[in-house]
Amino acid sequence: MTDTQASHTARPELPDHLSIDPRSPHHVRAVFEHDIGIRFNGKDRNDVEEYCISEGWVRVPAGKTLDRKGQPLLIKLKGKVEAFYR
């Protein structure tokens, strides 16, 4: 195995709390270099903006509604959260 192949398999550990917003203190750039999946209450979700495994919640956009800064308005859903690499 070459060094480039080894770097692709070495993935950082998924954090307990992660956000896709680069302005958030919970944003980890190294994690987003890989394809991440989120399973919420047993179903795969593709619209998760932020999650916390220990507290059991995800934040997802509320339709096409935007906040006053032009960002999607997020709602918090509570349940069982699982994060994994695809």
C-alpha atoms as a PDB file:
ATOM      1  CA  MET A   1       0.000   0.000   0.000  1.00  0.00           C
ATOM      2  CA  THR A   2       1.367   3.423  -0.918  1.00  0.00           C
ATOM      3  CA  ASP A   3       1.360   6.504   1.312  1.00  0.00           C
ATOM      4  CA  THR A   4      -1.533   8.071  -0.625  1.00  0.00           C
ATOM      5  CA  GLN A   5      -3.714   5.000  -0.078  1.00  0.00           C
ATOM      6  CA  ALA A   6      -2.871   4.976   3.641  1.00  0.00           C
ATOM      7  CA  SER A   7      -3.911   8.632   3.993  1.00  0.00           C
ATOM      8  CA  HIS A   8      -7.326   7.881   2.450  1.00  0.00           C
ATOM      9  CA  THR A   9      -8.038   5.107   4.950  1.00  0.00           C
ATOM     10  CA  ALA A  10      -6.868   7.124   7.992  1.00  0.00           C
ATOM     11  CA  ARG A  11     -10.043   8.927   8.999  1.00  0.00           C
ATOM     12  CA  PRO A  12     -10.354  11.170  12.028  1.00  0.00           C
ATOM     13  CA  GLU A  13     -12.675   9.966  14.766  1.00  0.00           C
ATOM     14  CA  LEU A  14     -16.188  11.379  14.418  1.00  0.00           C
ATOM     15  CA  PRO A  15     -16.834  13.923  17.183  1.00  0.00           C
ATOM     16  CA  ASP A  16     -19.814  13.811  19.545  1.00  0.00           C
ATOM     17  CA  HIS A  17     -20.978  17.245  18.318  1.00  0.00           C
ATOM     18  CA  LEU A  18     -20.427  18.321  14.702  1.00  0.00           C
ATOM     19  CA  SER A  19     -21.650  21.205  12.531  1.00  0.00           C
ATOM     20  CA  ILE A  20     -21.269  21.807   8.793  1.00  0.00           C
ATOM     21  CA  ASP A  21     -21.137  25.598   9.347  1.00  0.00           C
ATOM     22  CA  PRO A  22     -17.459  26.682   9.181  1.00  0.00           C
ATOM     23  CA  ARG A  23     -18.199  29.560  11.608  1.00  0.00           C
ATOM     24  CA  SER A  24     -19.287  27.117  14.326  1.00  0.00           C
ATOM     25  CA  PRO A  25     -16.862  26.047  17.073  1.00  0.00           C
ATOM     26  CA  HIS A  26     -18.098  22.483  16.415  1.00  0.00           C
ATOM     27  CA  HIS A  27     -16.905  22.455  12.786  1.00  0.00           C
ATOM     28  CA  VAL A  28     -14.029  19.999  12.154  1.00  0.00           C
ATOM     29  CA  ARG A  29     -12.640  20.447   8.643  1.00  0.00           C
ATOM     30  CA  ALA A  30     -10.709  17.138   8.599  1.00  0.00           C
ATOM     31  CA  VAL A  31     -13.931  15.156   9.078  1.00  0.00           C
ATOM     32  CA  PHE A  32     -15.557  16.751   6.005  1.00  0.00           C
ATOM     33  CA  GLU A  33     -12.772  15.512   3.730  1.00  0.00           C
ATOM     34  CA  HIS A  34     -14.592  12.146   3.921  1.00  0.00           C
ATOM     35  CA  ASP A  35     -18.186  11.149   3.156  1.00  0.00           C
ATOM     36  CA  ILE A  36     -20.235  11.159   6.385  1.00  0.00           C
ATOM     37  CA  GLY A  37     -23.606   9.555   7.006  1.00  0.00           C
ATOM     38  CA  ILE A  38     -26.113  10.352   9.750  1.00  0.00           C
ATOM     39  CA  ARG A  39     -28.732   7.862  10.892  1.00  0.00           C
ATOM     40  CA  PHE A  40     -31.525   9.456  12.927  1.00  0.00           C
ATOM     41  CA  ASN A  41     -34.068   7.152  14.603  1.00  0.00           C
ATOM     42  CA  GLY A  42     -33.019   4.313  12.283  1.00  0.00           C
ATOM     43  CA  LYS A  43     -33.302   6.270   9.009  1.00  0.00           C
ATOM     44  CA  ASP A  44     -30.464   7.785   6.978  1.00  0.00           C
ATOM     45  CA  ARG A  45     -30.753  11.580   6.729  1.00  0.00           C
ATOM     46  CA  ASN A  46     -29.054  13.700   4.067  1.00  0.00           C
ATOM     47  CA  ASP A  47     -30.212  17.102   5.352  1.00  0.00           C
ATOM     48  CA  VAL A  48     -28.529  17.250   8.777  1.00  0.00           C
ATOM     49  CA  GLU A  49     -26.713  20.556   9.419  1.00  0.00           C
ATOM     50  CA  GLU A  50     -25.553  19.781  12.963  1.00  0.00           C
ATOM     51  CA  TYR A  51     -25.770  16.868  15.386  1.00  0.00           C
ATOM     52  CA  CYS A  52     -24.970  15.868  18.971  1.00  0.00           C
ATOM     53  CA  ILE A  53     -24.845  12.143  19.727  1.00  0.00           C
ATOM     54  CA  SER A  54     -24.646  12.374  23.555  1.00  0.00           C
ATOM     55  CA  GLU A  55     -27.612  14.770  23.810  1.00  0.00           C
ATOM     56  CA  GLY A  56     -29.576  12.938  21.087  1.00  0.00           C
ATOM     57  CA  TRP A  57     -30.518  15.681  18.605  1.00  0.00           C
ATOM     58  CA  VAL A  58     -29.997  16.872  15.040  1.00  0.00           C
ATOM     59  CA  ARG A  59     -30.648  20.253  13.425  1.00  0.00           C
ATOM     60  CA  VAL A  60     -32.247  20.220   9.979  1.00  0.00           C
ATOM     61  CA  PRO A  61     -33.536  23.011   7.701  1.00  0.00           C
ATOM     62  CA  ALA A  62     -37.197  23.970   8.178  1.00  0.00           C
ATOM     63  CA  GLY A  63     -38.227  23.809   4.520  1.00  0.00           C
ATOM     64  CA  LYS A  64     -37.049  26.747   2.426  1.00  0.00           C
ATOM     65  CA  THR A  65     -37.382  29.275   5.246  1.00  0.00           C
ATOM     66  CA  LEU A  66     -34.367  31.548   5.778  1.00  0.00           C
ATOM     67  CA  ASP A  67     -33.324  33.512   8.849  1.00  0.00           C
ATOM     68  CA  ARG A  68     -32.553  37.253   8.751  1.00  0.00           C
ATOM     69  CA  LYS A  69     -28.945  36.540   7.705  1.00  0.00           C
ATOM     70  CA  GLY A  70     -30.020  34.440   4.709  1.00  0.00           C
ATOM     71  CA  GLN A  71     -29.108  31.107   6.313  1.00  0.00           C
ATOM     72  CA  PRO A  72     -31.592  28.202   6.420  1.00  0.00           C
ATOM     73  CA  LEU A  73     -33.823  28.276   9.500  1.00  0.00           C
ATOM     74  CA  LEU A  74     -32.975  25.151  11.497  1.00  0.00           C
ATOM     75  CA  ILE A  75     -35.183  23.066  13.741  1.00  0.00           C
ATOM     76  CA  LYS A  76     -33.949  20.655  16.399  1.00  0.00           C
ATOM     77  CA  LEU A  77     -35.241  17.082  16.331  1.00  0.00           C
ATOM     78  CA  LYS A  78     -34.641  14.784  19.289  1.00  0.00           C
ATOM     79  CA  GLY A  79     -34.007  11.064  18.974  1.00  0.00           C
ATOM     80  CA  LYS A  80     -31.286   8.451  18.508  1.00  0.00           C
ATOM     81  CA  VAL A  81     -28.334   9.781  16.476  1.00  0.00           C
ATOM     82  CA  GLU A  82     -25.634   7.648  14.804  1.00  0.00           C
ATOM     83  CA  ALA A  83     -22.790   9.109  12.747  1.00  0.00           C
ATOM     84  CA  PHE A  84     -20.663   6.968  10.432  1.00  0.00           C
ATOM     85  CA  TYR A  85     -18.309   7.113   7.459  1.00  0.00           C
ATOM     86  CA  ARG A  86     -19.697   5.837   4.171  1.00  0.00           C
END
